[in-house]
Amino acid sequence: KFTAYFKEQWLAQNQNWYLGVAPTSPSPNNALEA
């Protein structure tokens, strides 16, 4: 169930959630907190 959800939501529909998508941008939480 989890892998089906993960593939559908995070690998197919919402692909831009990992840091490699915008390599020059800081991770939002870390930069904001700093």
Full PDB file with SEQRES, HELIX, SHEET, SSBOND, CRYST1, ORIGX, SCALE, CONECT and MASTER records, all heavy atoms in Angstrom:
SEQRES   1 A   34  LYS PHE THR ALA TYR PHE LYS GLU GLN TRP LEU ALA GLN          
SEQRES   2 A   34  ASN GLN ASN TRP TYR LEU GLY VAL ALA PRO THR SER PRO          
SEQRES   3 A   34  SER PRO ASN ASN ALA LEU GLU ALA                              
HELIX    1 AA1 PHE A    2  PHE A    6  1                                   5    
HELIX    2 AA2 LYS A    7  GLN A   13  3                                   7    
HELIX    3 AA3 LEU A   19  VAL A   21  5                                   3    
HELIX    4 AA4 PRO A   28  GLU A   33  1                                   6    
CRYST1    1.000    1.000    1.000  90.00  90.00  90.00 P 1           1          
ORIGX1      1.000000  0.000000  0.000000        0.00000                         
ORIGX2      0.000000  1.000000  0.000000        0.00000                         
ORIGX3      0.000000  0.000000  1.000000        0.00000                         
SCALE1      1.000000  0.000000  0.000000        0.00000                         
SCALE2      0.000000  1.000000  0.000000        0.00000                         
SCALE3      0.000000  0.000000  1.000000        0.00000                         
ATOM      1  N   LYS A   1       0.838  -1.209   0.000  1.00  0.00           N  
ATOM      2  CA  LYS A   1       0.000   0.000   0.000  1.00  0.00           C  
ATOM      3  C   LYS A   1       0.867   1.251   0.000  1.00  0.00           C  
ATOM      4  O   LYS A   1       0.621   2.198  -0.746  1.00  0.00           O  
ATOM      5  CB  LYS A   1      -0.948   0.016   1.192  1.00  0.00           C  
ATOM      6  CG  LYS A   1      -2.105  -0.924   1.066  1.00  0.00           C  
ATOM      7  CD  LYS A   1      -3.058  -0.740   2.226  1.00  0.00           C  
ATOM      8  CE  LYS A   1      -4.246  -1.678   2.096  1.00  0.00           C  
ATOM      9  NZ  LYS A   1      -5.188  -1.496   3.204  1.00  0.00           N  
ATOM     10  N   PHE A   2       1.902   1.246   0.856  1.00  0.00           N  
ATOM     11  CA  PHE A   2       2.756   2.418   0.925  1.00  0.00           C  
ATOM     12  C   PHE A   2       3.530   2.625  -0.371  1.00  0.00           C  
ATOM     13  O   PHE A   2       3.616   3.745  -0.870  1.00  0.00           O  
ATOM     14  CB  PHE A   2       3.731   2.341   2.105  1.00  0.00           C  
ATOM     15  CG  PHE A   2       4.673   3.508   2.124  1.00  0.00           C  
ATOM     16  CD1 PHE A   2       4.244   4.743   2.579  1.00  0.00           C  
ATOM     17  CD2 PHE A   2       5.962   3.391   1.639  1.00  0.00           C  
ATOM     18  CE1 PHE A   2       5.087   5.832   2.571  1.00  0.00           C  
ATOM     19  CE2 PHE A   2       6.821   4.477   1.625  1.00  0.00           C  
ATOM     20  CZ  PHE A   2       6.384   5.698   2.097  1.00  0.00           C  
ATOM     21  N   THR A   3       4.116   1.570  -0.911  1.00  0.00           N  
ATOM     22  CA  THR A   3       4.914   1.735  -2.133  1.00  0.00           C  
ATOM     23  C   THR A   3       4.041   2.170  -3.303  1.00  0.00           C  
ATOM     24  O   THR A   3       4.482   2.971  -4.128  1.00  0.00           O  
ATOM     25  CB  THR A   3       5.702   0.458  -2.486  1.00  0.00           C  
ATOM     26  OG1 THR A   3       4.813  -0.644  -2.547  1.00  0.00           O  
ATOM     27  CG2 THR A   3       6.798   0.199  -1.482  1.00  0.00           C  
ATOM     28  N   ALA A   4       2.806   1.679  -3.366  1.00  0.00           N  
ATOM     29  CA  ALA A   4       1.900   2.128  -4.431  1.00  0.00           C  
ATOM     30  C   ALA A   4       1.602   3.615  -4.269  1.00  0.00           C  
ATOM     31  O   ALA A   4       1.641   4.384  -5.237  1.00  0.00           O  
ATOM     32  CB  ALA A   4       0.614   1.316  -4.408  1.00  0.00           C  
ATOM     33  N   TYR A   5       1.324   4.040  -3.023  1.00  0.00           N  
ATOM     34  CA  TYR A   5       1.081   5.454  -2.739  1.00  0.00           C  
ATOM     35  C   TYR A   5       2.320   6.289  -3.061  1.00  0.00           C  
ATOM     36  O   TYR A   5       2.229   7.327  -3.711  1.00  0.00           O  
ATOM     37  CB  TYR A   5       0.694   5.629  -1.265  1.00  0.00           C  
ATOM     38  CG  TYR A   5       0.873   7.030  -0.753  1.00  0.00           C  
ATOM     39  CD1 TYR A   5      -0.057   8.024  -1.045  1.00  0.00           C  
ATOM     40  CD2 TYR A   5       1.998   7.370  -0.002  1.00  0.00           C  
ATOM     41  CE1 TYR A   5       0.125   9.322  -0.588  1.00  0.00           C  
ATOM     42  CE2 TYR A   5       2.181   8.663   0.453  1.00  0.00           C  
ATOM     43  CZ  TYR A   5       1.241   9.629   0.162  1.00  0.00           C  
ATOM     44  OH  TYR A   5       1.427  10.901   0.601  1.00  0.00           O  
ATOM     45  N   PHE A   6       3.474   5.831  -2.616  1.00  0.00           N  
ATOM     46  CA  PHE A   6       4.714   6.580  -2.817  1.00  0.00           C  
ATOM     47  C   PHE A   6       5.014   6.745  -4.305  1.00  0.00           C  
ATOM     48  O   PHE A   6       5.366   7.837  -4.763  1.00  0.00           O  
ATOM     49  CB  PHE A   6       5.870   5.863  -2.103  1.00  0.00           C  
ATOM     50  CG  PHE A   6       7.136   6.664  -2.079  1.00  0.00           C  
ATOM     51  CD1 PHE A   6       7.311   7.683  -1.167  1.00  0.00           C  
ATOM     52  CD2 PHE A   6       8.154   6.395  -2.974  1.00  0.00           C  
ATOM     53  CE1 PHE A   6       8.479   8.432  -1.135  1.00  0.00           C  
ATOM     54  CE2 PHE A   6       9.332   7.133  -2.953  1.00  0.00           C  
ATOM     55  CZ  PHE A   6       9.485   8.149  -2.034  1.00  0.00           C  
ATOM     56  N   LYS A   7       4.875   5.677  -5.068  1.00  0.00           N  
ATOM     57  CA  LYS A   7       5.136   5.765  -6.513  1.00  0.00           C  
ATOM     58  C   LYS A   7       4.172   6.731  -7.190  1.00  0.00           C  
ATOM     59  O   LYS A   7       4.587   7.536  -8.019  1.00  0.00           O  
ATOM     60  CB  LYS A   7       5.028   4.380  -7.161  1.00  0.00           C  
ATOM     61  CG  LYS A   7       6.228   3.506  -6.906  1.00  0.00           C  
ATOM     62  CD  LYS A   7       6.260   2.303  -7.826  1.00  0.00           C  
ATOM     63  CE  LYS A   7       5.406   1.198  -7.320  1.00  0.00           C  
ATOM     64  NZ  LYS A   7       5.554  -0.060  -8.070  1.00  0.00           N  
ATOM     65  N   GLU A   8       2.900   6.651  -6.820  1.00  0.00           N  
ATOM     66  CA  GLU A   8       1.894   7.500  -7.461  1.00  0.00           C  
ATOM     67  C   GLU A   8       2.066   8.969  -7.066  1.00  0.00           C  
ATOM     68  O   GLU A   8       2.113   9.854  -7.917  1.00  0.00           O  
ATOM     69  CB  GLU A   8       0.490   7.020  -7.096  1.00  0.00           C  
ATOM     70  CG  GLU A   8      -0.622   7.892  -7.636  1.00  0.00           C  
ATOM     71  CD  GLU A   8      -0.701   7.918  -9.149  1.00  0.00           C  
ATOM     72  OE1 GLU A   8      -0.274   6.947  -9.802  1.00  0.00           O  
ATOM     73  OE2 GLU A   8      -1.188   8.930  -9.696  1.00  0.00           O  
ATOM     74  N   GLN A   9       2.156   9.238  -5.772  1.00  0.00           N  
ATOM     75  CA  GLN A   9       2.180  10.615  -5.291  1.00  0.00           C  
ATOM     76  C   GLN A   9       3.542  11.292  -5.431  1.00  0.00           C  
ATOM     77  O   GLN A   9       3.613  12.454  -5.811  1.00  0.00           O  
ATOM     78  CB  GLN A   9       1.762  10.662  -3.818  1.00  0.00           C  
ATOM     79  CG  GLN A   9       0.306  10.364  -3.600  1.00  0.00           C  
ATOM     80  CD  GLN A   9      -0.585  11.403  -4.229  1.00  0.00           C  
ATOM     81  OE1 GLN A   9      -0.362  12.597  -4.101  1.00  0.00           O  
ATOM     82  NE2 GLN A   9      -1.607  10.949  -4.932  1.00  0.00           N  
ATOM     83  N   TRP A  10       4.629  10.586  -5.090  1.00  0.00           N  
ATOM     84  CA  TRP A  10       5.929  11.230  -4.961  1.00  0.00           C  
ATOM     85  C   TRP A  10       6.900  10.938  -6.090  1.00  0.00           C  
ATOM     86  O   TRP A  10       7.890  11.641  -6.241  1.00  0.00           O  
ATOM     87  CB  TRP A  10       6.553  10.884  -3.613  1.00  0.00           C  
ATOM     88  CG  TRP A  10       5.681  11.389  -2.523  1.00  0.00           C  
ATOM     89  CD1 TRP A  10       4.856  10.666  -1.727  1.00  0.00           C  
ATOM     90  CD2 TRP A  10       5.487  12.752  -2.164  1.00  0.00           C  
ATOM     91  NE1 TRP A  10       4.162  11.481  -0.877  1.00  0.00           N  
ATOM     92  CE2 TRP A  10       4.544  12.786  -1.123  1.00  0.00           C  
ATOM     93  CE3 TRP A  10       6.027  13.956  -2.604  1.00  0.00           C  
ATOM     94  CZ2 TRP A  10       4.121  13.958  -0.524  1.00  0.00           C  
ATOM     95  CZ3 TRP A  10       5.600  15.125  -1.997  1.00  0.00           C  
ATOM     96  CH2 TRP A  10       4.663  15.117  -0.985  1.00  0.00           C  
ATOM     97  N   LEU A  11       6.621   9.929  -6.877  1.00  0.00           N  
ATOM     98  CA  LEU A  11       7.495   9.658  -8.017  1.00  0.00           C  
ATOM     99  C   LEU A  11       6.822   9.970  -9.344  1.00  0.00           C  
ATOM    100  O   LEU A  11       7.509  10.206 -10.333  1.00  0.00           O  
ATOM    101  CB  LEU A  11       7.980   8.197  -7.988  1.00  0.00           C  
ATOM    102  CG  LEU A  11       8.785   7.799  -6.746  1.00  0.00           C  
ATOM    103  CD1 LEU A  11       9.178   6.334  -6.822  1.00  0.00           C  
ATOM    104  CD2 LEU A  11       9.993   8.683  -6.552  1.00  0.00           C  
ATOM    105  N   ALA A  12       5.500  10.006  -9.376  1.00  0.00           N  
ATOM    106  CA  ALA A  12       4.793  10.311 -10.620  1.00  0.00           C  
ATOM    107  C   ALA A  12       4.202  11.722 -10.612  1.00  0.00           C  
ATOM    108  O   ALA A  12       4.521  12.537 -11.472  1.00  0.00           O  
ATOM    109  CB  ALA A  12       3.691   9.272 -10.860  1.00  0.00           C  
ATOM    110  N   GLN A  13       3.377  12.044  -9.624  1.00  0.00           N  
ATOM    111  CA  GLN A  13       2.675  13.332  -9.629  1.00  0.00           C  
ATOM    112  C   GLN A  13       3.509  14.489  -9.095  1.00  0.00           C  
ATOM    113  O   GLN A  13       3.476  15.584  -9.654  1.00  0.00           O  
ATOM    114  CB  GLN A  13       1.381  13.228  -8.809  1.00  0.00           C  
ATOM    115  CG  GLN A  13       0.321  12.393  -9.479  1.00  0.00           C  
ATOM    116  CD  GLN A  13      -0.971  12.379  -8.674  1.00  0.00           C  
ATOM    117  OE1 GLN A  13      -1.097  13.057  -7.654  1.00  0.00           O  
ATOM    118  NE2 GLN A  13      -1.938  11.601  -9.122  1.00  0.00           N  
ATOM    119  N   ASN A  14       4.216  14.294  -8.009  1.00  0.00           N  
ATOM    120  CA  ASN A  14       4.975  15.369  -7.357  1.00  0.00           C  
ATOM    121  C   ASN A  14       6.471  15.058  -7.431  1.00  0.00           C  
ATOM    122  O   ASN A  14       7.105  14.797  -6.425  1.00  0.00           O  
ATOM    123  CB  ASN A  14       4.547  15.513  -5.894  1.00  0.00           C  
ATOM    124  CG  ASN A  14       3.082  15.795  -5.759  1.00  0.00           C  
ATOM    125  OD1 ASN A  14       2.582  16.737  -6.351  1.00  0.00           O  
ATOM    126  ND2 ASN A  14       2.385  14.985  -5.002  1.00  0.00           N  
ATOM    127  N   GLN A  15       7.022  15.133  -8.592  1.00  0.00           N  
ATOM    128  CA  GLN A  15       8.395  14.697  -8.813  1.00  0.00           C  
ATOM    129  C   GLN A  15       9.451  15.670  -8.292  1.00  0.00           C  
ATOM    130  O   GLN A  15      10.603  15.290  -8.137  1.00  0.00           O  
ATOM    131  CB  GLN A  15       8.635  14.476 -10.300  1.00  0.00           C  
ATOM    132  CG  GLN A  15       7.734  13.439 -10.904  1.00  0.00           C  
ATOM    133  CD  GLN A  15       7.857  13.397 -12.415  1.00  0.00           C  
ATOM    134  OE1 GLN A  15       8.715  14.054 -12.988  1.00  0.00           O  
ATOM    135  NE2 GLN A  15       6.997  12.640 -13.055  1.00  0.00           N  
ATOM    136  N   ASN A  16       9.113  16.888  -8.034  1.00  0.00           N  
ATOM    137  CA  ASN A  16      10.108  17.919  -7.702  1.00  0.00           C  
ATOM    138  C   ASN A  16      10.237  18.178  -6.211  1.00  0.00           C  
ATOM    139  O   ASN A  16      10.324  19.316  -5.767  1.00  0.00           O  
ATOM    140  CB  ASN A  16       9.750  19.220  -8.428  1.00  0.00           C  
ATOM    141  CG  ASN A  16       9.784  19.042  -9.917  1.00  0.00           C  
ATOM    142  OD1 ASN A  16      10.551  18.245 -10.442  1.00  0.00           O  
ATOM    143  ND2 ASN A  16       8.940  19.773 -10.616  1.00  0.00           N  
ATOM    144  N   TRP A  17      10.304  17.145  -5.423  1.00  0.00           N  
ATOM    145  CA  TRP A  17      10.363  17.302  -3.976  1.00  0.00           C  
ATOM    146  C   TRP A  17      11.745  17.055  -3.385  1.00  0.00           C  
ATOM    147  O   TRP A  17      11.957  17.268  -2.201  1.00  0.00           O  
ATOM    148  CB  TRP A  17       9.349  16.382  -3.296  1.00  0.00           C  
ATOM    149  CG  TRP A  17       9.584  14.929  -3.551  1.00  0.00           C  
ATOM    150  CD1 TRP A  17       9.163  14.225  -4.633  1.00  0.00           C  
ATOM    151  CD2 TRP A  17      10.278  14.008  -2.723  1.00  0.00           C  
ATOM    152  NE1 TRP A  17       9.563  12.920  -4.523  1.00  0.00           N  
ATOM    153  CE2 TRP A  17      10.253  12.753  -3.355  1.00  0.00           C  
ATOM    154  CE3 TRP A  17      10.929  14.112  -1.501  1.00  0.00           C  
ATOM    155  CZ2 TRP A  17      10.839  11.625  -2.820  1.00  0.00           C  
ATOM    156  CZ3 TRP A  17      11.520  12.971  -0.963  1.00  0.00           C  
ATOM    157  CH2 TRP A  17      11.461  11.753  -1.613  1.00  0.00           C  
ATOM    158  N   TYR A  18      12.684  16.639  -4.171  1.00  0.00           N  
ATOM    159  CA  TYR A  18      14.017  16.369  -3.634  1.00  0.00           C  
ATOM    160  C   TYR A  18      14.962  17.511  -4.003  1.00  0.00           C  
ATOM    161  O   TYR A  18      14.689  18.315  -4.879  1.00  0.00           O  
ATOM    162  CB  TYR A  18      14.539  15.014  -4.113  1.00  0.00           C  
ATOM    163  CG  TYR A  18      14.846  14.937  -5.585  1.00  0.00           C  
ATOM    164  CD1 TYR A  18      16.143  15.046  -6.040  1.00  0.00           C  
ATOM    165  CD2 TYR A  18      13.836  14.756  -6.521  1.00  0.00           C  
ATOM    166  CE1 TYR A  18      16.435  14.985  -7.394  1.00  0.00           C  
ATOM    167  CE2 TYR A  18      14.120  14.686  -7.867  1.00  0.00           C  
ATOM    168  CZ  TYR A  18      15.417  14.795  -8.295  1.00  0.00           C  
ATOM    169  OH  TYR A  18      15.697  14.744  -9.636  1.00  0.00           O  
ATOM    170  N   LEU A  19      16.080  17.591  -3.305  1.00  0.00           N  
ATOM    171  CA  LEU A  19      16.967  18.742  -3.422  1.00  0.00           C  
ATOM    172  C   LEU A  19      17.649  18.863  -4.773  1.00  0.00           C  
ATOM    173  O   LEU A  19      18.043  19.949  -5.165  1.00  0.00           O  
ATOM    174  CB  LEU A  19      18.026  18.705  -2.316  1.00  0.00           C  
ATOM    175  CG  LEU A  19      17.481  18.826  -0.900  1.00  0.00           C  
ATOM    176  CD1 LEU A  19      18.606  18.740   0.106  1.00  0.00           C  
ATOM    177  CD2 LEU A  19      16.710  20.111  -0.729  1.00  0.00           C  
ATOM    178  N   GLY A  20      17.781  17.782  -5.513  1.00  0.00           N  
ATOM    179  CA  GLY A  20      18.446  17.823  -6.810  1.00  0.00           C  
ATOM    180  C   GLY A  20      17.666  18.565  -7.874  1.00  0.00           C  
ATOM    181  O   GLY A  20      18.211  18.907  -8.923  1.00  0.00           O  
ATOM    182  N   VAL A  21      16.405  18.843  -7.633  1.00  0.00           N  
ATOM    183  CA  VAL A  21      15.588  19.563  -8.612  1.00  0.00           C  
ATOM    184  C   VAL A  21      16.072  21.003  -8.763  1.00  0.00           C  
ATOM    185  O   VAL A  21      16.115  21.545  -9.852  1.00  0.00           O  
ATOM    186  CB  VAL A  21      14.099  19.528  -8.206  1.00  0.00           C  
ATOM    187  CG1 VAL A  21      13.264  20.379  -9.124  1.00  0.00           C  
ATOM    188  CG2 VAL A  21      13.591  18.103  -8.206  1.00  0.00           C  
ATOM    189  N   ALA A  22      16.472  21.618  -7.674  1.00  0.00           N  
ATOM    190  CA  ALA A  22      16.971  22.996  -7.680  1.00  0.00           C  
ATOM    191  C   ALA A  22      18.292  23.029  -6.920  1.00  0.00           C  
ATOM    192  O   ALA A  22      18.340  23.432  -5.763  1.00  0.00           O  
ATOM    193  CB  ALA A  22      15.955  23.938  -7.062  1.00  0.00           C  
ATOM    194  N   PRO A  23      19.376  22.608  -7.550  1.00  0.00           N  
ATOM    195  CA  PRO A  23      20.636  22.441  -6.824  1.00  0.00           C  
ATOM    196  C   PRO A  23      21.228  23.719  -6.239  1.00  0.00           C  
ATOM    197  O   PRO A  23      21.953  23.660  -5.262  1.00  0.00           O  
ATOM    198  CB  PRO A  23      21.573  21.842  -7.868  1.00  0.00           C  
ATOM    199  CG  PRO A  23      20.960  22.144  -9.181  1.00  0.00           C  
ATOM    200  CD  PRO A  23      19.494  22.273  -8.955  1.00  0.00           C  
ATOM    201  N   THR A  24      20.923  24.878  -6.802  1.00  0.00           N  
ATOM    202  CA  THR A  24      21.499  26.108  -6.255  1.00  0.00           C  
ATOM    203  C   THR A  24      20.648  26.720  -5.151  1.00  0.00           C  
ATOM    204  O   THR A  24      21.063  27.668  -4.515  1.00  0.00           O  
ATOM    205  CB  THR A  24      21.693  27.153  -7.366  1.00  0.00           C  
ATOM    206  OG1 THR A  24      20.418  27.423  -7.973  1.00  0.00           O  
ATOM    207  CG2 THR A  24      22.669  26.653  -8.415  1.00  0.00           C  
ATOM    208  N   SER A  25      19.471  26.174  -4.936  1.00  0.00           N  
ATOM    209  CA  SER A  25      18.586  26.701  -3.895  1.00  0.00           C  
ATOM    210  C   SER A  25      18.833  25.984  -2.579  1.00  0.00           C  
ATOM    211  O   SER A  25      19.048  24.780  -2.560  1.00  0.00           O  
ATOM    212  CB  SER A  25      17.121  26.495  -4.290  1.00  0.00           C  
ATOM    213  OG  SER A  25      16.841  27.197  -5.463  1.00  0.00           O  
ATOM    214  N   PRO A  26      18.780  26.713  -1.480  1.00  0.00           N  
ATOM    215  CA  PRO A  26      18.945  26.046  -0.193  1.00  0.00           C  
ATOM    216  C   PRO A  26      17.693  25.266   0.165  1.00  0.00           C  
ATOM    217  O   PRO A  26      16.610  25.533  -0.351  1.00  0.00           O  
ATOM    218  CB  PRO A  26      19.151  27.207   0.777  1.00  0.00           C  
ATOM    219  CG  PRO A  26      18.475  28.349   0.122  1.00  0.00           C  
ATOM    220  CD  PRO A  26      18.625  28.141  -1.366  1.00  0.00           C  
ATOM    221  N   SER A  27      17.846  24.324   1.044  1.00  0.00           N  
ATOM    222  CA  SER A  27      16.692  23.611   1.572  1.00  0.00           C  
ATOM    223  C   SER A  27      15.847  24.620   2.335  1.00  0.00           C  
ATOM    224  O   SER A  27      16.356  25.343   3.181  1.00  0.00           O  
ATOM    225  CB  SER A  27      17.153  22.497   2.493  1.00  0.00           C  
ATOM    226  OG  SER A  27      16.052  21.855   3.058  1.00  0.00           O  
ATOM    227  N   PRO A  28      14.546  24.718   2.064  1.00  0.00           N  
ATOM    228  CA  PRO A  28      13.735  25.792   2.624  1.00  0.00           C  
ATOM    229  C   PRO A  28      13.815  25.954   4.129  1.00  0.00           C  
ATOM    230  O   PRO A  28      14.036  27.043   4.614  1.00  0.00           O  
ATOM    231  CB  PRO A  28      12.319  25.421   2.199  1.00  0.00           C  
ATOM    232  CG  PRO A  28      12.497  24.619   0.985  1.00  0.00           C  
ATOM    233  CD  PRO A  28      13.794  23.880   1.159  1.00  0.00           C  
ATOM    234  N   ASN A  29      13.662  24.902   4.865  1.00  0.00           N  
ATOM    235  CA  ASN A  29      13.692  25.039   6.309  1.00  0.00           C  
ATOM    236  C   ASN A  29      15.039  25.521   6.804  1.00  0.00           C  
ATOM    237  O   ASN A  29      15.112  26.403   7.639  1.00  0.00           O  
ATOM    238  CB  ASN A  29      13.371  23.703   6.972  1.00  0.00           C  
ATOM    239  CG  ASN A  29      11.930  23.609   7.356  1.00  0.00           C  
ATOM    240  OD1 ASN A  29      11.194  24.563   7.252  1.00  0.00           O  
ATOM    241  ND2 ASN A  29      11.537  22.443   7.796  1.00  0.00           N  
ATOM    242  N   ASN A  30      16.103  24.930   6.314  1.00  0.00           N  
ATOM    243  CA  ASN A  30      17.422  25.275   6.820  1.00  0.00           C  
ATOM    244  C   ASN A  30      17.761  26.737   6.548  1.00  0.00           C  
ATOM    245  O   ASN A  30      18.264  27.427   7.430  1.00  0.00           O  
ATOM    246  CB  ASN A  30      18.487  24.369   6.212  1.00  0.00           C  
ATOM    247  CG  ASN A  30      18.345  22.945   6.681  1.00  0.00           C  
ATOM    248  OD1 ASN A  30      17.713  22.675   7.688  1.00  0.00           O  
ATOM    249  ND2 ASN A  30      18.926  22.029   5.945  1.00  0.00           N  
ATOM    250  N   ALA A  31      17.525  27.212   5.360  1.00  0.00           N  
ATOM    251  CA  ALA A  31      17.845  28.593   5.027  1.00  0.00           C  
ATOM    252  C   ALA A  31      16.979  29.563   5.820  1.00  0.00           C  
ATOM    253  O   ALA A  31      17.475  30.573   6.335  1.00  0.00           O  
ATOM    254  CB  ALA A  31      17.674  28.834   3.536  1.00  0.00           C  
ATOM    255  N   LEU A  32      15.714  29.257   5.924  1.00  0.00           N  
ATOM    256  CA  LEU A  32      14.805  30.131   6.657  1.00  0.00           C  
ATOM    257  C   LEU A  32      15.171  30.178   8.136  1.00  0.00           C  
ATOM    258  O   LEU A  32      15.211  31.254   8.743  1.00  0.00           O  
ATOM    259  CB  LEU A  32      13.360  29.660   6.491  1.00  0.00           C  
ATOM    260  CG  LEU A  32      12.293  30.503   7.151  1.00  0.00           C  
ATOM    261  CD1 LEU A  32      12.315  31.915   6.596  1.00  0.00           C  
ATOM    262  CD2 LEU A  32      10.938  29.869   6.958  1.00  0.00           C  
ATOM    263  N   GLU A  33      15.465  29.026   8.715  1.00  0.00           N  
ATOM    264  CA  GLU A  33      15.836  28.992  10.125  1.00  0.00           C  
ATOM    265  C   GLU A  33      17.156  29.707  10.369  1.00  0.00           C  
ATOM    266  O   GLU A  33      17.325  30.399  11.368  1.00  0.00           O  
ATOM    267  CB  GLU A  33      15.895  27.549  10.623  1.00  0.00           C  
ATOM    268  CG  GLU A  33      14.543  26.870  10.681  1.00  0.00           C  
ATOM    269  CD  GLU A  33      13.537  27.589  11.564  1.00  0.00           C  
ATOM    270  OE1 GLU A  33      13.928  28.135  12.617  1.00  0.00           O  
ATOM    271  OE2 GLU A  33      12.358  27.619  11.187  1.00  0.00           O  
ATOM    272  N   ALA A  34      18.105  29.553   9.461  1.00  0.00           N  
ATOM    273  CA  ALA A  34      19.396  30.231   9.610  1.00  0.00           C  
ATOM    274  C   ALA A  34      19.208  31.742   9.528  1.00  0.00           C  
ATOM    275  O   ALA A  34      19.793  32.502  10.309  1.00  0.00           O  
ATOM    276  CB  ALA A  34      20.368  29.755   8.545  1.00  0.00           C  
TER     277      ALA A  34                                                      
MASTER        0    0    0    4    0    0    0    6  276    1    0    3          
END                                                                             
